[in-house]
Amino acid sequence: MATEKLKLGSSMPIFELLSVNGKKVNVKEAEGTKLMLVIFSCNHCPYVQAYEERIKKITSDYKDNLVVIAINSNDENNYPEDSFTNMKLRAEEKGFNFHYLRDETQEVAKLFGATHTPEVFLFNEKRELVFHGKIDDNWQDESRVNSNYLRNAINELLSGKEISIPETFTIGCTIKWK
């Protein structure tokens, strides 16, 4: 089960996980970027599926200032759709333009205190947590979004402003613990 949730202002946990491209991704290697976004994700959750295109668009729109890392920590024994093999297939099929990593031991999810998919953690240039929660206020219909929590946080951060809504409750499927 998850440990205590990472609190705003906390330093980003350091980790290295295997990507669907077959290479290990170490978060220390991305230190030159202004912002880092960690999203706990998976293949089977309908909330995640509804957000995949939005995540790709955020990755593309902020590519000069933001590294996006999606992490699948789900138990693949009870949820075979979330296996590493199926992660590779989904990333290719959907044209993911962000890192998609496998947290086989679930240790990284525990470090963050993550509980849901998709659950987002945005870190500033100093790798301090500055936003945590959900992407926006309408997972079902992007055209009916009223509050783009994540985009607003990114824009405020990049323009040197304080984040007006630094935390929201999370929505989605629960992480499937072993």
Protein backbone atom coordinates (compact mmCIF):
# COMPACT_ATOMS: atom_id res chain seq x y z
CA MET A 1 0.00 0.00 0.00
CA ALA A 2 1.08 3.62 -0.48
CA THR A 3 2.98 5.51 2.13
CA GLU A 4 2.31 9.12 3.09
CA LYS A 5 1.52 11.42 0.16
CA LEU A 6 4.37 13.66 -1.00
CA LYS A 7 3.66 17.14 0.32
CA LEU A 8 3.95 20.43 -1.58
CA GLY A 9 7.51 21.74 -1.34
CA SER A 10 8.97 18.23 -1.01
CA SER A 11 11.98 17.26 -3.08
CA MET A 12 11.37 14.91 -5.95
CA PRO A 13 12.23 11.30 -5.14
CA ILE A 14 15.17 10.03 -7.17
CA PHE A 15 14.48 6.89 -9.18
CA GLU A 16 15.46 4.96 -12.27
CA LEU A 17 12.96 2.80 -14.15
CA LEU A 18 12.78 0.91 -17.43
CA SER A 19 11.04 2.70 -20.30
CA VAL A 20 8.95 1.09 -23.01
CA ASN A 21 11.79 2.01 -25.40
CA GLY A 22 14.00 -0.50 -23.55
CA LYS A 23 16.22 2.12 -21.89
CA LYS A 24 16.42 3.01 -18.23
CA VAL A 25 15.31 6.54 -17.40
CA ASN A 26 17.00 8.19 -14.45
CA VAL A 27 15.32 11.40 -13.31
CA LYS A 28 18.71 12.90 -12.45
CA GLU A 29 19.51 12.92 -16.20
CA ALA A 30 16.71 15.40 -16.87
CA GLU A 31 18.00 18.02 -14.46
CA GLY A 32 18.55 20.64 -17.15
CA THR A 33 14.84 21.07 -17.81
CA LYS A 34 12.80 23.75 -16.12
CA LEU A 35 9.91 21.53 -15.06
CA MET A 36 9.27 17.84 -14.57
CA LEU A 37 5.85 16.21 -14.58
CA VAL A 38 5.37 12.74 -13.13
CA ILE A 39 2.04 11.06 -13.89
CA PHE A 40 1.06 7.74 -12.37
CA SER A 41 -0.64 5.96 -15.22
CA CYS A 42 -1.53 2.57 -16.67
CA ASN A 43 -3.16 0.97 -19.71
CA HIS A 44 -6.53 -0.25 -18.48
CA CYS A 45 -7.98 2.71 -16.54
CA PRO A 46 -10.72 4.57 -18.45
CA TYR A 47 -9.68 7.85 -16.79
CA VAL A 48 -6.12 7.45 -18.08
CA GLN A 49 -7.39 6.49 -21.53
CA ALA A 50 -9.55 9.64 -21.59
CA TYR A 51 -6.50 11.78 -20.78
CA GLU A 52 -3.89 10.21 -23.11
CA GLU A 53 -4.38 12.72 -25.94
CA ARG A 54 -4.35 15.63 -23.49
CA ILE A 55 -1.10 14.37 -21.95
CA LYS A 56 0.44 14.10 -25.43
CA LYS A 57 -0.67 17.66 -26.19
CA ILE A 58 0.77 19.00 -22.91
CA THR A 59 4.04 17.19 -23.67
CA SER A 60 4.15 18.74 -27.14
CA ASP A 61 3.03 22.24 -26.09
CA TYR A 62 5.66 22.54 -23.35
CA LYS A 63 8.45 20.42 -24.87
CA ASP A 64 11.08 23.16 -24.39
CA ASN A 65 10.37 23.52 -20.66
CA LEU A 66 8.89 20.26 -19.44
CA VAL A 67 9.85 16.60 -19.21
CA VAL A 68 6.85 14.29 -18.87
CA ILE A 69 7.22 10.89 -17.26
CA ALA A 70 4.29 8.48 -16.97
CA ILE A 71 4.75 5.57 -14.56
CA ASN A 72 2.75 2.36 -14.46
CA SER A 73 2.95 0.78 -10.99
CA ASN A 74 -0.03 -1.57 -11.29
CA ASP A 75 0.13 -5.27 -10.40
CA GLU A 76 0.39 -6.98 -13.77
CA ASN A 77 -0.51 -10.41 -12.39
CA ASN A 78 -4.09 -9.37 -11.63
CA TYR A 79 -4.17 -6.73 -14.38
CA PRO A 80 -2.35 -8.30 -17.36
CA GLU A 81 -3.39 -5.39 -19.59
CA ASP A 82 -0.85 -3.35 -17.59
CA SER A 83 2.10 -5.67 -18.28
CA PHE A 84 5.31 -4.22 -19.69
CA THR A 85 4.66 -5.94 -23.03
CA ASN A 86 1.21 -4.33 -23.23
CA MET A 87 2.65 -0.98 -22.16
CA LYS A 88 5.01 -1.11 -25.16
CA LEU A 89 2.11 -1.95 -27.48
CA ARG A 90 -0.08 0.86 -26.13
CA ALA A 91 2.71 3.44 -26.31
CA GLU A 92 3.35 2.52 -29.93
CA GLU A 93 -0.33 2.31 -30.87
CA LYS A 94 -1.14 5.69 -29.28
CA GLY A 95 2.09 7.42 -30.34
CA PHE A 96 3.16 8.45 -26.85
CA ASN A 97 5.60 11.36 -26.98
CA PHE A 98 6.50 11.09 -23.30
CA HIS A 99 8.45 8.59 -21.20
CA TYR A 100 6.34 5.58 -20.15
CA LEU A 101 8.05 3.65 -17.37
CA ARG A 102 7.39 0.41 -15.50
CA ASP A 103 7.49 0.45 -11.68
CA GLU A 104 7.57 -3.33 -11.25
CA THR A 105 8.26 -3.26 -7.50
CA GLN A 106 5.77 -0.43 -6.84
CA GLU A 107 8.49 1.30 -4.81
CA VAL A 108 8.32 4.54 -6.81
CA ALA A 109 4.56 4.81 -6.31
CA LYS A 110 5.17 4.35 -2.58
CA LEU A 111 7.87 7.07 -2.57
CA PHE A 112 5.35 9.52 -4.02
CA GLY A 113 2.44 8.24 -1.97
CA ALA A 114 0.54 7.90 -5.25
CA THR A 115 -2.91 6.33 -5.03
CA HIS A 116 -4.64 6.91 -8.39
CA THR A 117 -4.22 6.84 -12.15
CA PRO A 118 -3.86 9.43 -13.52
CA GLU A 119 -2.32 11.31 -10.59
CA VAL A 120 0.03 14.16 -11.41
CA PHE A 121 3.02 15.61 -9.58
CA LEU A 122 4.60 18.77 -11.07
CA PHE A 123 8.10 19.78 -9.96
CA ASN A 124 9.83 23.11 -10.50
CA GLU A 125 13.43 23.66 -11.63
CA LYS A 126 14.68 22.97 -8.09
CA ARG A 127 12.70 19.69 -8.23
CA GLU A 128 10.33 20.77 -5.48
CA LEU A 129 6.71 19.64 -5.71
CA VAL A 130 4.62 22.65 -6.72
CA PHE A 131 1.41 21.06 -7.99
CA HIS A 132 -0.33 17.79 -7.17
CA GLY A 133 -3.69 16.39 -8.21
CA LYS A 134 -5.64 16.06 -11.41
CA ILE A 135 -5.16 17.40 -14.92
CA ASP A 136 -8.45 19.26 -15.28
CA ASP A 137 -12.06 19.22 -14.10
CA ASN A 138 -13.67 17.03 -16.79
CA TRP A 139 -12.06 13.69 -17.54
CA GLN A 140 -14.94 12.58 -19.76
CA ASP A 141 -15.18 15.49 -22.18
CA GLU A 142 -12.26 17.77 -22.93
CA SER A 143 -14.55 20.27 -24.65
CA ARG A 144 -16.40 20.81 -21.37
CA VAL A 145 -13.33 21.55 -19.22
CA ASN A 146 -13.73 24.69 -17.11
CA SER A 147 -10.51 24.46 -15.09
CA ASN A 148 -7.24 23.31 -16.63
CA TYR A 149 -5.48 22.82 -13.29
CA LEU A 150 -2.25 21.37 -14.66
CA ARG A 151 -1.89 23.75 -17.63
CA ASN A 152 -2.65 26.71 -15.39
CA ALA A 153 0.01 25.58 -12.91
CA ILE A 154 2.59 25.15 -15.70
CA ASN A 155 1.78 28.55 -17.21
CA GLU A 156 1.88 30.32 -13.85
CA LEU A 157 5.18 28.65 -12.97
CA LEU A 158 6.78 29.51 -16.32
CA SER A 159 5.69 33.15 -16.00
CA GLY A 160 7.16 33.43 -12.50
CA LYS A 161 3.82 33.60 -10.71
CA GLU A 162 2.67 31.70 -7.68
CA ILE A 163 0.46 28.73 -8.54
CA SER A 164 -3.12 29.76 -7.79
CA ILE A 165 -4.40 26.19 -7.26
CA PRO A 166 -1.41 24.09 -6.16
CA GLU A 167 -3.40 21.03 -5.16
CA THR A 168 -6.62 19.28 -6.11
CA PHE A 169 -8.12 15.98 -5.09
CA THR A 170 -7.19 13.10 -7.35
CA ILE A 171 -9.61 11.13 -9.50
CA GLY A 172 -9.29 7.93 -11.45
CA CYS A 173 -8.71 4.28 -10.79
CA THR A 174 -6.79 3.27 -7.70
CA ILE A 175 -3.30 1.90 -8.15
CA LYS A 176 -3.55 -1.89 -8.16
CA TRP A 177 -1.27 -3.00 -5.34
CA LYS A 178 0.31 -6.43 -5.18
